[in-house]
């Protein structure tokens, strides 16, 4: 069963956690339209850090902000879902 968790638009990033920690993505993505992608592997990021530390620092700050925003969005969604759960004392 496929569950739609979100949607990204042109210029957005997917898989940034995997790029940072080298683990496999936990979900899959399906494109609804034609897409063009660029892949930055963990090894390529390590080379970028070694060869162009200033650029790498800007990229990592940008990624940290994106991750922070996504975490806040997920937290807000989880809060909404949790407020809808029945409580033990009322059963509602």
Protein backbone atom coordinates (compact mmCIF):
# COMPACT_ATOMS: atom_id res chain seq x y z
CA UNK A 1 0.00 0.00 0.00
CA UNK A 2 1.41 3.37 -1.01
CA UNK A 3 0.96 6.32 1.33
CA UNK A 4 1.57 9.85 0.17
CA UNK A 5 3.66 11.54 2.83
CA UNK A 6 4.55 14.70 1.02
CA UNK A 7 5.40 16.47 -2.16
CA UNK A 8 8.45 18.35 -3.34
CA UNK A 9 8.74 20.98 -6.02
CA UNK A 10 11.46 22.02 -8.44
CA UNK A 11 14.72 22.89 -6.69
CA UNK A 12 13.97 20.92 -3.53
CA UNK A 13 16.11 18.18 -2.04
CA UNK A 14 15.36 14.54 -1.28
CA UNK A 15 17.56 12.10 0.59
CA UNK A 16 19.67 14.64 2.41
CA UNK A 17 19.86 12.46 5.51
CA UNK A 18 21.33 9.64 3.44
CA UNK A 19 23.88 12.03 1.99
CA UNK A 20 24.95 13.07 5.47
CA UNK A 21 25.00 9.71 7.22
CA UNK A 22 25.40 7.26 4.32
CA UNK A 23 22.37 5.15 5.17
CA UNK A 24 19.74 3.92 2.75
CA UNK A 25 16.56 5.93 2.24
CA UNK A 26 13.62 4.53 4.17
CA UNK A 27 10.99 5.38 1.58
CA UNK A 28 10.59 5.59 -2.14
CA UNK A 29 9.57 8.46 -4.37
CA UNK A 30 7.39 8.55 -7.43
CA UNK A 31 7.58 11.42 -9.89
CA UNK A 32 4.24 12.78 -11.08
CA UNK A 33 5.92 14.67 -13.93
CA UNK A 34 9.21 14.50 -15.81
CA UNK A 35 12.14 15.34 -13.54
CA UNK A 36 15.82 16.16 -13.84
CA UNK A 37 17.94 15.14 -10.87
CA UNK A 38 21.45 15.63 -9.61
CA UNK A 39 23.03 13.24 -7.14
CA UNK A 40 25.54 14.30 -4.50
CA UNK A 41 26.88 11.20 -2.79
CA UNK A 42 28.43 11.09 0.64
CA UNK A 43 31.83 10.53 -1.01
CA UNK A 44 31.36 13.54 -3.28
CA UNK A 45 30.35 15.64 -0.27
CA UNK A 46 33.54 14.55 1.53
CA UNK A 47 35.60 15.64 -1.51
CA UNK A 48 33.75 18.96 -1.62
CA UNK A 49 34.54 19.53 2.06
CA UNK A 50 38.23 18.79 1.45
CA UNK A 51 38.58 20.76 -1.78
CA UNK A 52 36.16 23.67 -1.31
CA UNK A 53 35.42 24.04 2.41
CA UNK A 54 33.71 27.42 2.04
CA UNK A 55 31.23 26.13 -0.53
CA UNK A 56 30.73 22.95 1.48
CA UNK A 57 29.98 24.99 4.61
CA UNK A 58 27.32 26.98 2.74
CA UNK A 59 25.76 23.76 1.44
CA UNK A 60 25.74 22.16 4.90
CA UNK A 61 24.16 25.24 6.50
CA UNK A 62 21.49 25.23 3.77
CA UNK A 63 20.85 21.51 4.32
CA UNK A 64 20.63 22.01 8.09
CA UNK A 65 17.99 24.70 7.59
CA UNK A 66 16.02 22.45 5.22
CA UNK A 67 16.17 19.58 7.71
CA UNK A 68 15.12 21.87 10.54
CA UNK A 69 12.13 23.09 8.55
CA UNK A 70 11.13 19.54 7.61
CA UNK A 71 11.44 18.40 11.24
CA UNK A 72 9.24 21.28 12.38
CA UNK A 73 6.64 20.36 9.75
CA UNK A 74 6.64 16.71 10.81
CA UNK A 75 6.42 17.70 14.48
CA UNK A 76 3.47 19.97 13.78
CA UNK A 77 1.72 17.20 11.85
CA UNK A 78 2.37 14.70 14.63
CA UNK A 79 0.98 17.15 17.19
CA UNK A 80 -2.23 17.49 15.19
CA UNK A 81 -2.58 13.72 14.94
CA UNK A 82 -1.89 13.22 18.65
CA UNK A 83 -4.58 15.72 19.64
CA UNK A 84 -7.09 13.61 17.68
CA UNK A 85 -6.30 10.38 19.54
CA UNK A 86 -8.85 9.19 22.10
CA UNK A 87 -7.83 9.80 25.68
CA UNK A 88 -7.87 7.03 28.27
CA UNK A 89 -10.27 8.87 30.60
CA UNK A 90 -12.91 9.86 28.02
CA UNK A 91 -12.54 7.22 25.32
CA UNK A 92 -12.91 10.00 22.74
